[in-house]
Amino acid sequence: MHENPARARLEALRDELISVSEAAREDRKPVELDQQSVGRLSRQDSLQVQAMAKAADARRAQELRRIDVALQRLDEGEYGWCVECGEAISEKRLEIDPAAPRCSACA
């Protein structure tokens, strides 16, 4: 059975996002409040790193949801068609963003 290239790209993107999320798990851990072991500025830096890591993780989670929805559209035979107007999404747009749910006009 020949695998759909769109499915392969979407699954590769999903795997990459999951891998990056797992690698960044350490940065999302709670910051220690012990000022003796970590100075005030170092703690502030750690809190900033934690906040940025959480924001990046939220963006990755949102992108994973977009990919899962695109895979679902693929399974249902709706992939490549705009969810707003029903027109075909251009190949170029899908090359740039394989999880795009809308055509350029509706985006």
C-alpha atoms as a PDB file:
ATOM      1  CA  MET A   1       0.000   0.000   0.000  1.00  0.00           C
ATOM      2  CA  HIS A   2       1.386   3.407  -1.025  1.00  0.00           C
ATOM      3  CA  GLU A   3       1.248   5.983   1.764  1.00  0.00           C
ATOM      4  CA  ASN A   4      -0.272   9.393   1.074  1.00  0.00           C
ATOM      5  CA  PRO A   5       2.488  12.063   0.973  1.00  0.00           C
ATOM      6  CA  ALA A   6       0.296  14.514   2.911  1.00  0.00           C
ATOM      7  CA  ARG A   7      -0.205  11.935   5.664  1.00  0.00           C
ATOM      8  CA  ALA A   8       3.533  11.255   5.814  1.00  0.00           C
ATOM      9  CA  ARG A   9       4.322  14.988   6.125  1.00  0.00           C
ATOM     10  CA  LEU A  10       1.645  15.520   8.793  1.00  0.00           C
ATOM     11  CA  GLU A  11       2.797  12.516  10.811  1.00  0.00           C
ATOM     12  CA  ALA A  12       6.443  13.621  10.538  1.00  0.00           C
ATOM     13  CA  LEU A  13       5.492  17.104  11.771  1.00  0.00           C
ATOM     14  CA  ARG A  14       3.517  15.592  14.642  1.00  0.00           C
ATOM     15  CA  ASP A  15       6.415  13.322  15.634  1.00  0.00           C
ATOM     16  CA  GLU A  16       8.840  16.257  15.529  1.00  0.00           C
ATOM     17  CA  LEU A  17       6.583  18.417  17.732  1.00  0.00           C
ATOM     18  CA  ILE A  18       6.176  15.612  20.259  1.00  0.00           C
ATOM     19  CA  SER A  19       9.941  15.070  20.321  1.00  0.00           C
ATOM     20  CA  VAL A  20      10.645  18.781  20.872  1.00  0.00           C
ATOM     21  CA  SER A  21       8.018  18.922  23.609  1.00  0.00           C
ATOM     22  CA  GLU A  22       9.554  15.970  25.426  1.00  0.00           C
ATOM     23  CA  ALA A  23      13.035  17.495  25.118  1.00  0.00           C
ATOM     24  CA  ALA A  24      11.802  20.777  26.641  1.00  0.00           C
ATOM     25  CA  ARG A  25      10.091  19.084  29.595  1.00  0.00           C
ATOM     26  CA  GLU A  26      12.905  20.100  31.987  1.00  0.00           C
ATOM     27  CA  ASP A  27      12.396  23.819  31.252  1.00  0.00           C
ATOM     28  CA  ARG A  28       8.714  23.607  32.239  1.00  0.00           C
ATOM     29  CA  LYS A  29       9.385  22.188  35.696  1.00  0.00           C
ATOM     30  CA  PRO A  30       8.554  24.366  38.711  1.00  0.00           C
ATOM     31  CA  VAL A  31      11.300  26.771  39.750  1.00  0.00           C
ATOM     32  CA  GLU A  32      12.832  26.236  43.175  1.00  0.00           C
ATOM     33  CA  LEU A  33      12.145  29.072  45.621  1.00  0.00           C
ATOM     34  CA  ASP A  34      15.252  28.489  47.746  1.00  0.00           C
ATOM     35  CA  GLN A  35      17.195  31.739  47.389  1.00  0.00           C
ATOM     36  CA  GLN A  36      20.222  30.212  49.121  1.00  0.00           C
ATOM     37  CA  SER A  37      20.868  27.771  46.292  1.00  0.00           C
ATOM     38  CA  VAL A  38      19.669  30.073  43.496  1.00  0.00           C
ATOM     39  CA  GLY A  39      20.165  33.823  43.610  1.00  0.00           C
ATOM     40  CA  ARG A  40      17.259  36.208  43.076  1.00  0.00           C
ATOM     41  CA  LEU A  41      18.304  37.125  39.522  1.00  0.00           C
ATOM     42  CA  SER A  42      19.009  33.503  38.632  1.00  0.00           C
ATOM     43  CA  ARG A  43      15.563  32.593  39.965  1.00  0.00           C
ATOM     44  CA  GLN A  44      13.995  35.358  37.856  1.00  0.00           C
ATOM     45  CA  ASP A  45      15.855  34.038  34.831  1.00  0.00           C
ATOM     46  CA  SER A  46      14.611  30.543  35.642  1.00  0.00           C
ATOM     47  CA  LEU A  47      11.035  31.813  35.955  1.00  0.00           C
ATOM     48  CA  GLN A  48      11.351  33.560  32.594  1.00  0.00           C
ATOM     49  CA  VAL A  49      12.742  30.413  30.962  1.00  0.00           C
ATOM     50  CA  GLN A  50       9.877  28.430  32.506  1.00  0.00           C
ATOM     51  CA  ALA A  51       7.262  30.913  31.230  1.00  0.00           C
ATOM     52  CA  MET A  52       8.732  30.870  27.719  1.00  0.00           C
ATOM     53  CA  ALA A  53       8.868  27.069  27.758  1.00  0.00           C
ATOM     54  CA  LYS A  54       5.213  26.863  28.823  1.00  0.00           C
ATOM     55  CA  ALA A  55       4.189  29.303  26.075  1.00  0.00           C
ATOM     56  CA  ALA A  56       6.147  27.335  23.477  1.00  0.00           C
ATOM     57  CA  ASP A  57       4.537  24.121  24.719  1.00  0.00           C
ATOM     58  CA  ALA A  58       1.080  25.680  24.378  1.00  0.00           C
ATOM     59  CA  ARG A  59       1.898  26.653  20.770  1.00  0.00           C
ATOM     60  CA  ARG A  60       3.122  23.108  20.075  1.00  0.00           C
ATOM     61  CA  ALA A  61      -0.083  21.666  21.581  1.00  0.00           C
ATOM     62  CA  GLN A  62      -2.171  23.934  19.360  1.00  0.00           C
ATOM     63  CA  GLU A  63      -0.178  22.866  16.296  1.00  0.00           C
ATOM     64  CA  LEU A  64      -0.602  19.192  17.281  1.00  0.00           C
ATOM     65  CA  ARG A  65      -4.375  19.737  17.419  1.00  0.00           C
ATOM     66  CA  ARG A  66      -4.266  21.313  13.918  1.00  0.00           C
ATOM     67  CA  ILE A  67      -2.303  18.315  12.624  1.00  0.00           C
ATOM     68  CA  ASP A  68      -4.685  15.809  14.225  1.00  0.00           C
ATOM     69  CA  VAL A  69      -7.659  17.610  12.665  1.00  0.00           C
ATOM     70  CA  ALA A  70      -5.907  17.592   9.273  1.00  0.00           C
ATOM     71  CA  LEU A  71      -5.274  13.845   9.616  1.00  0.00           C
ATOM     72  CA  GLN A  72      -8.944  13.382  10.474  1.00  0.00           C
ATOM     73  CA  ARG A  73      -9.942  15.375   7.362  1.00  0.00           C
ATOM     74  CA  LEU A  74      -7.585  13.147   5.356  1.00  0.00           C
ATOM     75  CA  ASP A  75      -9.291  10.013   6.728  1.00  0.00           C
ATOM     76  CA  GLU A  76     -12.699  11.472   5.884  1.00  0.00           C
ATOM     77  CA  GLY A  77     -11.685  12.453   2.339  1.00  0.00           C
ATOM     78  CA  GLU A  78     -12.040  16.164   3.135  1.00  0.00           C
ATOM     79  CA  TYR A  79      -8.323  17.026   3.143  1.00  0.00           C
ATOM     80  CA  GLY A  80      -7.352  19.766   0.715  1.00  0.00           C
ATOM     81  CA  TRP A  81     -10.797  21.360   0.745  1.00  0.00           C
ATOM     82  CA  CYS A  82     -11.510  24.616   2.592  1.00  0.00           C
ATOM     83  CA  VAL A  83     -13.618  24.151   5.730  1.00  0.00           C
ATOM     84  CA  GLU A  84     -15.202  27.588   5.140  1.00  0.00           C
ATOM     85  CA  CYS A  85     -16.129  27.766   1.445  1.00  0.00           C
ATOM     86  CA  GLY A  86     -15.541  24.186   0.267  1.00  0.00           C
ATOM     87  CA  GLU A  87     -13.146  25.231  -2.502  1.00  0.00           C
ATOM     88  CA  ALA A  88      -9.852  23.442  -3.078  1.00  0.00           C
ATOM     89  CA  ILE A  89      -6.851  24.646  -1.062  1.00  0.00           C
ATOM     90  CA  SER A  90      -3.937  25.352  -3.401  1.00  0.00           C
ATOM     91  CA  GLU A  91      -1.114  22.812  -3.550  1.00  0.00           C
ATOM     92  CA  LYS A  92       1.385  25.570  -2.775  1.00  0.00           C
ATOM     93  CA  ARG A  93      -0.497  26.513   0.409  1.00  0.00           C
ATOM     94  CA  LEU A  94      -0.599  22.866   1.514  1.00  0.00           C
ATOM     95  CA  GLU A  95       3.123  22.518   0.783  1.00  0.00           C
ATOM     96  CA  ILE A  96       3.816  25.468   3.099  1.00  0.00           C
ATOM     97  CA  ASP A  97       1.306  24.397   5.760  1.00  0.00           C
ATOM     98  CA  PRO A  98       0.052  20.817   5.336  1.00  0.00           C
ATOM     99  CA  ALA A  99      -2.434  21.324   8.190  1.00  0.00           C
ATOM    100  CA  ALA A 100      -4.061  24.392   6.596  1.00  0.00           C
ATOM    101  CA  PRO A 101      -7.836  24.096   6.998  1.00  0.00           C
ATOM    102  CA  ARG A 102      -8.742  27.086   4.809  1.00  0.00           C
ATOM    103  CA  CYS A 103      -7.973  28.384   1.345  1.00  0.00           C
ATOM    104  CA  SER A 104      -6.047  31.630   0.984  1.00  0.00           C
ATOM    105  CA  ALA A 105      -9.232  33.643   0.425  1.00  0.00           C
ATOM    106  CA  CYS A 106     -10.884  32.388   3.638  1.00  0.00           C
ATOM    107  CA  ALA A 107      -7.736  32.538   5.746  1.00  0.00           C
END
